[in-house]
Amino acid sequence: AGAGEEVYDVTFENVQAGLRTDFLFRIANQRGGIVLGTGDMSEL
C-alpha cells in the first residue's frame, strides 16, 4: 500500500489506528493533557 497498491490487510488498518493513538499521546505530552480512551465494553 506504500507504493499505491490496493492491499488493505490488517497491517494497513492497524498502521492508521496506531498512528492516531501515537499522535494523541504525544500531543498530550506537548500540551499538558491526558488521552481519554473511547473504546466500549463490547469492543473489549
ModelCIF file with pLDDT and N, C-alpha, C, O atoms, coordinates in Angstrom:
data_MODEL
#
_entry.id   MODEL 
#
_entity.id                         1 
_entity.type                       polymer 
_entity.pdbx_number_of_molecules   1 
#
_entity_poly.entity_id                      1 
_entity_poly.type                           'polypeptide(L)' 
_entity_poly.nstd_linkage                   no 
_entity_poly.nstd_monomer                   no 
_entity_poly.pdbx_seq_one_letter_code       AGAGEEVYDVTFENVQAGLRTDFLFRIANQRGGIVLGTGDMSEL 
_entity_poly.pdbx_seq_one_letter_code_can   AGAGEEVYDVTFENVQAGLRTDFLFRIANQRGGIVLGTGDMSEL 
_entity_poly.pdbx_strand_id                 A 
#
loop_
_entity_poly_seq.entity_id 
_entity_poly_seq.num 
_entity_poly_seq.mon_id 
_entity_poly_seq.hetero 
1 1  ALA n 
1 2  GLY n 
1 3  ALA n 
1 4  GLY n 
1 5  GLU n 
1 6  GLU n 
1 7  VAL n 
1 8  TYR n 
1 9  ASP n 
1 10 VAL n 
1 11 THR n 
1 12 PHE n 
1 13 GLU n 
1 14 ASN n 
1 15 VAL n 
1 16 GLN n 
1 17 ALA n 
1 18 GLY n 
1 19 LEU n 
1 20 ARG n 
1 21 THR n 
1 22 ASP n 
1 23 PHE n 
1 24 LEU n 
1 25 PHE n 
1 26 ARG n 
1 27 ILE n 
1 28 ALA n 
1 29 ASN n 
1 30 GLN n 
1 31 ARG n 
1 32 GLY n 
1 33 GLY n 
1 34 ILE n 
1 35 VAL n 
1 36 LEU n 
1 37 GLY n 
1 38 THR n 
1 39 GLY n 
1 40 ASP n 
1 41 MET n 
1 42 SER n 
1 43 GLU n 
1 44 LEU n 
#
_struct_asym.id          A 
_struct_asym.entity_id   1 
#
loop_
_ma_qa_metric.id 
_ma_qa_metric.mode 
_ma_qa_metric.name 
_ma_qa_metric.software_group_id 
_ma_qa_metric.type 
1 global pLDDT . pLDDT 
2 local  pLDDT . pLDDT 
#
_ma_qa_metric_global.metric_id      1 
_ma_qa_metric_global.metric_value   95.02 
_ma_qa_metric_global.model_id       1 
_ma_qa_metric_global.ordinal_id     1 
#
loop_
_ma_qa_metric_local.label_asym_id 
_ma_qa_metric_local.label_comp_id 
_ma_qa_metric_local.label_seq_id 
_ma_qa_metric_local.metric_id 
_ma_qa_metric_local.metric_value 
_ma_qa_metric_local.model_id 
_ma_qa_metric_local.ordinal_id 
A ALA 1  2 94.00 1 1  
A GLY 2  2 93.00 1 2  
A ALA 3  2 94.00 1 3  
A GLY 4  2 91.00 1 4  
A GLU 5  2 93.00 1 5  
A GLU 6  2 91.00 1 6  
A VAL 7  2 94.00 1 7  
A TYR 8  2 92.00 1 8  
A ASP 9  2 92.00 1 9  
A VAL 10 2 92.00 1 10 
A THR 11 2 94.00 1 11 
A PHE 12 2 94.00 1 12 
A GLU 13 2 92.00 1 13 
A ASN 14 2 93.00 1 14 
A VAL 15 2 94.00 1 15 
A GLN 16 2 93.00 1 16 
A ALA 17 2 93.00 1 17 
A GLY 18 2 94.00 1 18 
A LEU 19 2 95.00 1 19 
A ARG 20 2 95.00 1 20 
A THR 21 2 96.00 1 21 
A ASP 22 2 96.00 1 22 
A PHE 23 2 97.00 1 23 
A LEU 24 2 97.00 1 24 
A PHE 25 2 97.00 1 25 
A ARG 26 2 97.00 1 26 
A ILE 27 2 97.00 1 27 
A ALA 28 2 97.00 1 28 
A ASN 29 2 97.00 1 29 
A GLN 30 2 97.00 1 30 
A ARG 31 2 97.00 1 31 
A GLY 32 2 96.00 1 32 
A GLY 33 2 97.00 1 33 
A ILE 34 2 97.00 1 34 
A VAL 35 2 98.00 1 35 
A LEU 36 2 98.00 1 36 
A GLY 37 2 97.00 1 37 
A THR 38 2 96.00 1 38 
A GLY 39 2 94.00 1 39 
A ASP 40 2 96.00 1 40 
A MET 41 2 96.00 1 41 
A SER 42 2 96.00 1 42 
A GLU 43 2 96.00 1 43 
A LEU 44 2 96.00 1 44 
#
loop_
_atom_site.group_PDB 
_atom_site.id 
_atom_site.type_symbol 
_atom_site.label_atom_id 
_atom_site.label_alt_id 
_atom_site.label_comp_id 
_atom_site.label_asym_id 
_atom_site.label_entity_id 
_atom_site.label_seq_id 
_atom_site.pdbx_PDB_ins_code 
_atom_site.Cartn_x 
_atom_site.Cartn_y 
_atom_site.Cartn_z 
_atom_site.occupancy 
_atom_site.B_iso_or_equiv 
_atom_site.pdbx_formal_charge 
_atom_site.auth_seq_id 
_atom_site.auth_comp_id 
_atom_site.auth_asym_id 
_atom_site.auth_atom_id 
_atom_site.pdbx_PDB_model_num 
ATOM 1   N N  . ALA A 1 1  ? 0.829   -1.206 0.000  1.00 94.00 ? 1  ALA A N  1 
ATOM 2   C CA . ALA A 1 1  ? 0.000   0.000  0.000  1.00 94.00 ? 1  ALA A CA 1 
ATOM 3   C C  . ALA A 1 1  ? 0.862   1.254  0.000  1.00 94.00 ? 1  ALA A C  1 
ATOM 4   O O  . ALA A 1 1  ? 0.424   2.310  -0.455 1.00 94.00 ? 1  ALA A O  1 
ATOM 5   N N  . GLY A 1 2  ? 2.096   1.141  0.513  1.00 93.00 ? 2  GLY A N  1 
ATOM 6   C CA . GLY A 1 2  ? 3.000   2.291  0.495  1.00 93.00 ? 2  GLY A CA 1 
ATOM 7   C C  . GLY A 1 2  ? 3.407   2.678  -0.909 1.00 93.00 ? 2  GLY A C  1 
ATOM 8   O O  . GLY A 1 2  ? 3.836   3.807  -1.148 1.00 93.00 ? 2  GLY A O  1 
ATOM 9   N N  . ALA A 1 3  ? 3.273   1.742  -1.844 1.00 94.00 ? 3  ALA A N  1 
ATOM 10  C CA . ALA A 1 3  ? 3.590   2.005  -3.251 1.00 94.00 ? 3  ALA A CA 1 
ATOM 11  C C  . ALA A 1 3  ? 2.326   2.225  -4.067 1.00 94.00 ? 3  ALA A C  1 
ATOM 12  O O  . ALA A 1 3  ? 2.379   2.261  -5.297 1.00 94.00 ? 3  ALA A O  1 
ATOM 13  N N  . GLY A 1 4  ? 1.189   2.372  -3.392 1.00 91.00 ? 4  GLY A N  1 
ATOM 14  C CA . GLY A 1 4  ? -0.047  2.676  -4.094 1.00 91.00 ? 4  GLY A CA 1 
ATOM 15  C C  . GLY A 1 4  ? -0.907  1.482  -4.439 1.00 91.00 ? 4  GLY A C  1 
ATOM 16  O O  . GLY A 1 4  ? -1.966  1.643  -5.045 1.00 91.00 ? 4  GLY A O  1 
ATOM 17  N N  . GLU A 1 5  ? -0.471  0.266  -4.064 1.00 93.00 ? 5  GLU A N  1 
ATOM 18  C CA . GLU A 1 5  ? -1.275  -0.914 -4.373 1.00 93.00 ? 5  GLU A CA 1 
ATOM 19  C C  . GLU A 1 5  ? -2.464  -1.022 -3.403 1.00 93.00 ? 5  GLU A C  1 
ATOM 20  O O  . GLU A 1 5  ? -2.386  -0.605 -2.247 1.00 93.00 ? 5  GLU A O  1 
ATOM 21  N N  . GLU A 1 6  ? -3.556  -1.590 -3.908 1.00 91.00 ? 6  GLU A N  1 
ATOM 22  C CA . GLU A 1 6  ? -4.771  -1.718 -3.088 1.00 91.00 ? 6  GLU A CA 1 
ATOM 23  C C  . GLU A 1 6  ? -4.713  -3.002 -2.258 1.00 91.00 ? 6  GLU A C  1 
ATOM 24  O O  . GLU A 1 6  ? -5.471  -3.944 -2.491 1.00 91.00 ? 6  GLU A O  1 
ATOM 25  N N  . VAL A 1 7  ? -3.817  -3.018 -1.303 1.00 94.00 ? 7  VAL A N  1 
ATOM 26  C CA . VAL A 1 7  ? -3.677  -4.146 -0.383 1.00 94.00 ? 7  VAL A CA 1 
ATOM 27  C C  . VAL A 1 7  ? -4.123  -3.655 0.984  1.00 94.00 ? 7  VAL A C  1 
ATOM 28  O O  . VAL A 1 7  ? -3.385  -2.960 1.682  1.00 94.00 ? 7  VAL A O  1 
ATOM 29  N N  . TYR A 1 8  ? -5.346  -4.028 1.355  1.00 92.00 ? 8  TYR A N  1 
ATOM 30  C CA . TYR A 1 8  ? -5.957  -3.466 2.563  1.00 92.00 ? 8  TYR A CA 1 
ATOM 31  C C  . TYR A 1 8  ? -6.086  -4.561 3.635  1.00 92.00 ? 8  TYR A C  1 
ATOM 32  O O  . TYR A 1 8  ? -7.182  -5.039 3.927  1.00 92.00 ? 8  TYR A O  1 
ATOM 33  N N  . ASP A 1 9  ? -4.974  -4.931 4.192  1.00 92.00 ? 9  ASP A N  1 
ATOM 34  C CA . ASP A 1 9  ? -4.948  -6.006 5.177  1.00 92.00 ? 9  ASP A CA 1 
ATOM 35  C C  . ASP A 1 9  ? -4.949  -5.435 6.602  1.00 92.00 ? 9  ASP A C  1 
ATOM 36  O O  . ASP A 1 9  ? -5.145  -4.236 6.800  1.00 92.00 ? 9  ASP A O  1 
ATOM 37  N N  . VAL A 1 10 ? -4.729  -6.309 7.587  1.00 92.00 ? 10 VAL A N  1 
ATOM 38  C CA . VAL A 1 10 ? -4.732  -5.875 8.983  1.00 92.00 ? 10 VAL A CA 1 
ATOM 39  C C  . VAL A 1 10 ? -3.628  -4.849 9.237  1.00 92.00 ? 10 VAL A C  1 
ATOM 40  O O  . VAL A 1 10 ? -3.823  -3.897 9.994  1.00 92.00 ? 10 VAL A O  1 
ATOM 41  N N  . THR A 1 11 ? -2.479  -5.042 8.609  1.00 94.00 ? 11 THR A N  1 
ATOM 42  C CA . THR A 1 11 ? -1.379  -4.085 8.784  1.00 94.00 ? 11 THR A CA 1 
ATOM 43  C C  . THR A 1 11 ? -1.795  -2.704 8.295  1.00 94.00 ? 11 THR A C  1 
ATOM 44  O O  . THR A 1 11 ? -1.531  -1.698 8.953  1.00 94.00 ? 11 THR A O  1 
ATOM 45  N N  . PHE A 1 12 ? -2.436  -2.662 7.156  1.00 94.00 ? 12 PHE A N  1 
ATOM 46  C CA . PHE A 1 12 ? -2.916  -1.401 6.596  1.00 94.00 ? 12 PHE A CA 1 
ATOM 47  C C  . PHE A 1 12 ? -3.869  -0.708 7.577  1.00 94.00 ? 12 PHE A C  1 
ATOM 48  O O  . PHE A 1 12 ? -3.806  0.507  7.765  1.00 94.00 ? 12 PHE A O  1 
ATOM 49  N N  . GLU A 1 13 ? -4.740  -1.488 8.190  1.00 92.00 ? 13 GLU A N  1 
ATOM 50  C CA . GLU A 1 13 ? -5.692  -0.915 9.140  1.00 92.00 ? 13 GLU A CA 1 
ATOM 51  C C  . GLU A 1 13 ? -4.998  -0.455 10.419 1.00 92.00 ? 13 GLU A C  1 
ATOM 52  O O  . GLU A 1 13 ? -5.251  0.647  10.904 1.00 92.00 ? 13 GLU A O  1 
ATOM 53  N N  . ASN A 1 14 ? -4.125  -1.298 10.961 1.00 93.00 ? 14 ASN A N  1 
ATOM 54  C CA . ASN A 1 14 ? -3.528  -1.002 12.258 1.00 93.00 ? 14 ASN A CA 1 
ATOM 55  C C  . ASN A 1 14 ? -2.487  0.113  12.204 1.00 93.00 ? 14 ASN A C  1 
ATOM 56  O O  . ASN A 1 14 ? -2.236  0.777  13.210 1.00 93.00 ? 14 ASN A O  1 
ATOM 57  N N  . VAL A 1 15 ? -1.883  0.320  11.042 1.00 94.00 ? 15 VAL A N  1 
ATOM 58  C CA . VAL A 1 15 ? -0.999  1.472  10.904 1.00 94.00 ? 15 VAL A CA 1 
ATOM 59  C C  . VAL A 1 15 ? -1.788  2.752  11.182 1.00 94.00 ? 15 VAL A C  1 
ATOM 60  O O  . VAL A 1 15 ? -1.299  3.658  11.857 1.00 94.00 ? 15 VAL A O  1 
ATOM 61  N N  . GLN A 1 16 ? -2.994  2.818  10.664 1.00 93.00 ? 16 GLN A N  1 
ATOM 62  C CA . GLN A 1 16 ? -3.818  4.018  10.881 1.00 93.00 ? 16 GLN A CA 1 
ATOM 63  C C  . GLN A 1 16 ? -4.253  4.128  12.347 1.00 93.00 ? 16 GLN A C  1 
ATOM 64  O O  . GLN A 1 16 ? -4.145  5.193  12.955 1.00 93.00 ? 16 GLN A O  1 
ATOM 65  N N  . ALA A 1 17 ? -4.742  3.027  12.899 1.00 93.00 ? 17 ALA A N  1 
ATOM 66  C CA . ALA A 1 17 ? -5.199  3.047  14.290 1.00 93.00 ? 17 ALA A CA 1 
ATOM 67  C C  . ALA A 1 17 ? -4.052  3.384  15.236 1.00 93.00 ? 17 ALA A C  1 
ATOM 68  O O  . ALA A 1 17 ? -4.224  4.143  16.190 1.00 93.00 ? 17 ALA A O  1 
ATOM 69  N N  . GLY A 1 18 ? -2.875  2.810  14.962 1.00 94.00 ? 18 GLY A N  1 
ATOM 70  C CA . GLY A 1 18 ? -1.729  3.054  15.819 1.00 94.00 ? 18 GLY A CA 1 
ATOM 71  C C  . GLY A 1 18 ? -1.244  4.488  15.742 1.00 94.00 ? 18 GLY A C  1 
ATOM 72  O O  . GLY A 1 18 ? -0.886  5.079  16.761 1.00 94.00 ? 18 GLY A O  1 
ATOM 73  N N  . LEU A 1 19 ? -1.229  5.049  14.551 1.00 95.00 ? 19 LEU A N  1 
ATOM 74  C CA . LEU A 1 19 ? -0.760  6.426  14.398 1.00 95.00 ? 19 LEU A CA 1 
ATOM 75  C C  . LEU A 1 19 ? -1.691  7.409  15.112 1.00 95.00 ? 19 LEU A C  1 
ATOM 76  O O  . LEU A 1 19 ? -1.230  8.376  15.719 1.00 95.00 ? 19 LEU A O  1 
ATOM 77  N N  . ARG A 1 20 ? -2.956  7.168  15.042 1.00 95.00 ? 20 ARG A N  1 
ATOM 78  C CA . ARG A 1 20 ? -3.894  8.060  15.732 1.00 95.00 ? 20 ARG A CA 1 
ATOM 79  C C  . ARG A 1 20 ? -3.593  8.093  17.231 1.00 95.00 ? 20 ARG A C  1 
ATOM 80  O O  . ARG A 1 20 ? -3.525  9.161  17.840 1.00 95.00 ? 20 ARG A O  1 
ATOM 81  N N  . THR A 1 21 ? -3.417  6.910  17.811 1.00 96.00 ? 21 THR A N  1 
ATOM 82  C CA . THR A 1 21 ? -3.123  6.853  19.240 1.00 96.00 ? 21 THR A CA 1 
ATOM 83  C C  . THR A 1 21 ? -1.768  7.475  19.543 1.00 96.00 ? 21 THR A C  1 
ATOM 84  O O  . THR A 1 21 ? -1.622  8.196  20.530 1.00 96.00 ? 21 THR A O  1 
ATOM 85  N N  . ASP A 1 22 ? -0.783  7.204  18.707 1.00 96.00 ? 22 ASP A N  1 
ATOM 86  C CA . ASP A 1 22 ? 0.551   7.760  18.911 1.00 96.00 ? 22 ASP A CA 1 
ATOM 87  C C  . ASP A 1 22 ? 0.511   9.284  18.903 1.00 96.00 ? 22 ASP A C  1 
ATOM 88  O O  . ASP A 1 22 ? 1.105   9.929  19.767 1.00 96.00 ? 22 ASP A O  1 
ATOM 89  N N  . PHE A 1 23 ? -0.181  9.852  17.938 1.00 97.00 ? 23 PHE A N  1 
ATOM 90  C CA . PHE A 1 23 ? -0.304  11.310 17.873 1.00 97.00 ? 23 PHE A CA 1 
ATOM 91  C C  . PHE A 1 23 ? -0.974  11.867 19.129 1.00 97.00 ? 23 PHE A C  1 
ATOM 92  O O  . PHE A 1 23 ? -0.530  12.875 19.678 1.00 97.00 ? 23 PHE A O  1 
ATOM 93  N N  . LEU A 1 24 ? -2.046  11.206 19.580 1.00 97.00 ? 24 LEU A N  1 
ATOM 94  C CA . LEU A 1 24 ? -2.774  11.705 20.745 1.00 97.00 ? 24 LEU A CA 1 
ATOM 95  C C  . LEU A 1 24 ? -1.890  11.703 21.988 1.00 97.00 ? 24 LEU A C  1 
ATOM 96  O O  . LEU A 1 24 ? -1.926  12.649 22.775 1.00 97.00 ? 24 LEU A O  1 
ATOM 97  N N  . PHE A 1 25 ? -1.098  10.647 22.170 1.00 97.00 ? 25 PHE A N  1 
ATOM 98  C CA . PHE A 1 25 ? -0.224  10.595 23.341 1.00 97.00 ? 25 PHE A CA 1 
ATOM 99  C C  . PHE A 1 25 ? 0.849   11.685 23.278 1.00 97.00 ? 25 PHE A C  1 
ATOM 100 O O  . PHE A 1 25 ? 1.140   12.330 24.286 1.00 97.00 ? 25 PHE A O  1 
ATOM 101 N N  . ARG A 1 26 ? 1.422   11.885 22.126 1.00 97.00 ? 26 ARG A N  1 
ATOM 102 C CA . ARG A 1 26 ? 2.470   12.897 22.017 1.00 97.00 ? 26 ARG A CA 1 
ATOM 103 C C  . ARG A 1 26 ? 1.889   14.303 22.175 1.00 97.00 ? 26 ARG A C  1 
ATOM 104 O O  . ARG A 1 26 ? 2.531   15.184 22.747 1.00 97.00 ? 26 ARG A O  1 
ATOM 105 N N  . ILE A 1 27 ? 0.676   14.508 21.667 1.00 97.00 ? 27 ILE A N  1 
ATOM 106 C CA . ILE A 1 27 ? 0.020   15.809 21.851 1.00 97.00 ? 27 ILE A CA 1 
ATOM 107 C C  . ILE A 1 27 ? -0.294  16.034 23.320 1.00 97.00 ? 27 ILE A C  1 
ATOM 108 O O  . ILE A 1 27 ? -0.164  17.150 23.822 1.00 97.00 ? 27 ILE A O  1 
ATOM 109 N N  . ALA A 1 28 ? -0.709  14.971 24.015 1.00 97.00 ? 28 ALA A N  1 
ATOM 110 C CA . ALA A 1 28 ? -0.979  15.087 25.453 1.00 97.00 ? 28 ALA A CA 1 
ATOM 111 C C  . ALA A 1 28 ? 0.300   15.482 26.193 1.00 97.00 ? 28 ALA A C  1 
ATOM 112 O O  . ALA A 1 28 ? 0.256   16.311 27.101 1.00 97.00 ? 28 ALA A O  1 
ATOM 113 N N  . ASN A 1 29 ? 1.448   14.892 25.808 1.00 97.00 ? 29 ASN A N  1 
ATOM 114 C CA . ASN A 1 29 ? 2.735   15.301 26.395 1.00 97.00 ? 29 ASN A CA 1 
ATOM 115 C C  . ASN A 1 29 ? 3.008   16.782 26.133 1.00 97.00 ? 29 ASN A C  1 
ATOM 116 O O  . ASN A 1 29 ? 3.422   17.528 27.020 1.00 97.00 ? 29 ASN A O  1 
ATOM 117 N N  . GLN A 1 30 ? 2.766   17.168 24.917 1.00 97.00 ? 30 GLN A N  1 
ATOM 118 C CA . GLN A 1 30 ? 3.093   18.519 24.467 1.00 97.00 ? 30 GLN A CA 1 
ATOM 119 C C  . GLN A 1 30 ? 2.236   19.584 25.138 1.00 97.00 ? 30 GLN A C  1 
ATOM 120 O O  . GLN A 1 30 ? 2.722   20.677 25.430 1.00 97.00 ? 30 GLN A O  1 
ATOM 121 N N  . ARG A 1 31 ? 0.955   19.273 25.386 1.00 97.00 ? 31 ARG A N  1 
ATOM 122 C CA . ARG A 1 31 ? 0.011   20.315 25.800 1.00 97.00 ? 31 ARG A CA 1 
ATOM 123 C C  . ARG A 1 31 ? -0.551  20.110 27.200 1.00 97.00 ? 31 ARG A C  1 
ATOM 124 O O  . ARG A 1 31 ? -1.528  20.752 27.586 1.00 97.00 ? 31 ARG A O  1 
ATOM 125 N N  . GLY A 1 32 ? 0.066   19.220 27.952 1.00 96.00 ? 32 GLY A N  1 
ATOM 126 C CA . GLY A 1 32 ? -0.339  19.059 29.343 1.00 96.00 ? 32 GLY A CA 1 
ATOM 127 C C  . GLY A 1 32 ? -1.696  18.407 29.512 1.00 96.00 ? 32 GLY A C  1 
ATOM 128 O O  . GLY A 1 32 ? -2.544  18.894 30.260 1.00 96.00 ? 32 GLY A O  1 
ATOM 129 N N  . GLY A 1 33 ? -1.892  17.315 28.818 1.00 97.00 ? 33 GLY A N  1 
ATOM 130 C CA . GLY A 1 33 ? -3.191  16.653 28.886 1.00 97.00 ? 33 GLY A CA 1 
ATOM 131 C C  . GLY A 1 33 ? -3.085  15.159 29.127 1.00 97.00 ? 33 GLY A C  1 
ATOM 132 O O  . GLY A 1 33 ? -1.991  14.608 29.245 1.00 97.00 ? 33 GLY A O  1 
ATOM 133 N N  . ILE A 1 34 ? -4.234  14.515 29.198 1.00 97.00 ? 34 ILE A N  1 
ATOM 134 C CA . ILE A 1 34 ? -4.313  13.055 29.245 1.00 97.00 ? 34 ILE A CA 1 
ATOM 135 C C  . ILE A 1 34 ? -5.179  12.595 28.078 1.00 97.00 ? 34 ILE A C  1 
ATOM 136 O O  . ILE A 1 34 ? -6.120  13.277 27.673 1.00 97.00 ? 34 ILE A O  1 
ATOM 137 N N  . VAL A 1 35 ? -4.843  11.438 27.554 1.00 98.00 ? 35 VAL A N  1 
ATOM 138 C CA . VAL A 1 35 ? -5.618  10.866 26.455 1.00 98.00 ? 35 VAL A CA 1 
ATOM 139 C C  . VAL A 1 35 ? -6.828  10.151 27.031 1.00 98.00 ? 35 VAL A C  1 
ATOM 140 O O  . VAL A 1 35 ? -6.693  9.253  27.862 1.00 98.00 ? 35 VAL A O  1 
ATOM 141 N N  . LEU A 1 36 ? -7.997  10.552 26.589 1.00 98.00 ? 36 LEU A N  1 
ATOM 142 C CA . LEU A 1 36 ? -9.232  9.904  27.028 1.00 98.00 ? 36 LEU A CA 1 
ATOM 143 C C  . LEU A 1 36 ? -9.605  8.823  26.032 1.00 98.00 ? 36 LEU A C  1 
ATOM 144 O O  . LEU A 1 36 ? -9.916  9.114  24.877 1.00 98.00 ? 36 LEU A O  1 
ATOM 145 N N  . GLY A 1 37 ? -9.575  7.562  26.484 1.00 97.00 ? 37 GLY A N  1 
ATOM 146 C CA . GLY A 1 37 ? -9.939  6.445  25.613 1.00 97.00 ? 37 GLY A CA 1 
ATOM 147 C C  . GLY A 1 37 ? -11.425 6.407  25.353 1.00 97.00 ? 37 GLY A C  1 
ATOM 148 O O  . GLY A 1 37 ? -12.220 6.877  26.167 1.00 97.00 ? 37 GLY A O  1 
ATOM 149 N N  . THR A 1 38 ? -11.800 5.843  24.212 1.00 96.00 ? 38 THR A N  1 
ATOM 150 C CA . THR A 1 38 ? -13.208 5.849  23.812 1.00 96.00 ? 38 THR A CA 1 
ATOM 151 C C  . THR A 1 38 ? -13.810 4.457  23.632 1.00 96.00 ? 38 THR A C  1 
ATOM 152 O O  . THR A 1 38 ? -15.028 4.335  23.499 1.00 96.00 ? 38 THR A O  1 
ATOM 153 N N  . GLY A 1 39 ? -12.987 3.400  23.625 1.00 94.00 ? 39 GLY A N  1 
ATOM 154 C CA . GLY A 1 39 ? -13.493 2.053  23.368 1.00 94.00 ? 39 GLY A CA 1 
ATOM 155 C C  . GLY A 1 39 ? -14.470 1.575  24.429 1.00 94.00 ? 39 GLY A C  1 
ATOM 156 O O  . GLY A 1 39 ? -14.332 1.916  25.603 1.00 94.00 ? 39 GLY A O  1 
ATOM 157 N N  . ASP A 1 40 ? -15.456 0.785  24.019 1.00 96.00 ? 40 ASP A N  1 
ATOM 158 C CA . ASP A 1 40 ? -16.504 0.347  24.948 1.00 96.00 ? 40 ASP A CA 1 
ATOM 159 C C  . ASP A 1 40 ? -16.306 -1.112 25.363 1.00 96.00 ? 40 ASP A C  1 
ATOM 160 O O  . ASP A 1 40 ? -15.400 -1.792 24.883 1.00 96.00 ? 40 ASP A O  1 
ATOM 161 N N  . MET A 1 41 ? -17.179 -1.579 26.271 1.00 96.00 ? 41 MET A N  1 
ATOM 162 C CA . MET A 1 41 ? -17.062 -2.922 26.829 1.00 96.00 ? 41 MET A CA 1 
ATOM 163 C C  . MET A 1 41 ? -17.302 -3.999 25.771 1.00 96.00 ? 41 MET A C  1 
ATOM 164 O O  . MET A 1 41 ? -16.671 -5.055 25.817 1.00 96.00 ? 41 MET A O  1 
ATOM 165 N N  . SER A 1 42 ? -18.196 -3.749 24.828 1.00 96.00 ? 42 SER A N  1 
ATOM 166 C CA . SER A 1 42 ? -18.473 -4.737 23.775 1.00 96.00 ? 42 SER A CA 1 
ATOM 167 C C  . SER A 1 42 ? -17.235 -4.956 22.915 1.00 96.00 ? 42 SER A C  1 
ATOM 168 O O  . SER A 1 42 ? -16.919 -6.090 22.554 1.00 96.00 ? 42 SER A O  1 
ATOM 169 N N  . GLU A 1 43 ? -16.533 -3.868 22.585 1.00 96.00 ? 43 GLU A N  1 
ATOM 170 C CA . GLU A 1 43 ? -15.318 -3.990 21.789 1.00 96.00 ? 43 GLU A CA 1 
ATOM 171 C C  . GLU A 1 43 ? -14.225 -4.719 22.566 1.00 96.00 ? 43 GLU A C  1 
ATOM 172 O O  . GLU A 1 43 ? -13.468 -5.500 21.990 1.00 96.00 ? 43 GLU A O  1 
ATOM 173 N N  . LEU A 1 44 ? -14.141 -4.468 23.866 1.00 96.00 ? 44 LEU A N  1 
ATOM 174 C CA . LEU A 1 44 ? -13.166 -5.184 24.682 1.00 96.00 ? 44 LEU A CA 1 
ATOM 175 C C  . LEU A 1 44 ? -13.457 -6.684 24.696 1.00 96.00 ? 44 LEU A C  1 
ATOM 176 O O  . LEU A 1 44 ? -12.734 -7.448 25.336 1.00 96.00 ? 44 LEU A O  1 
#
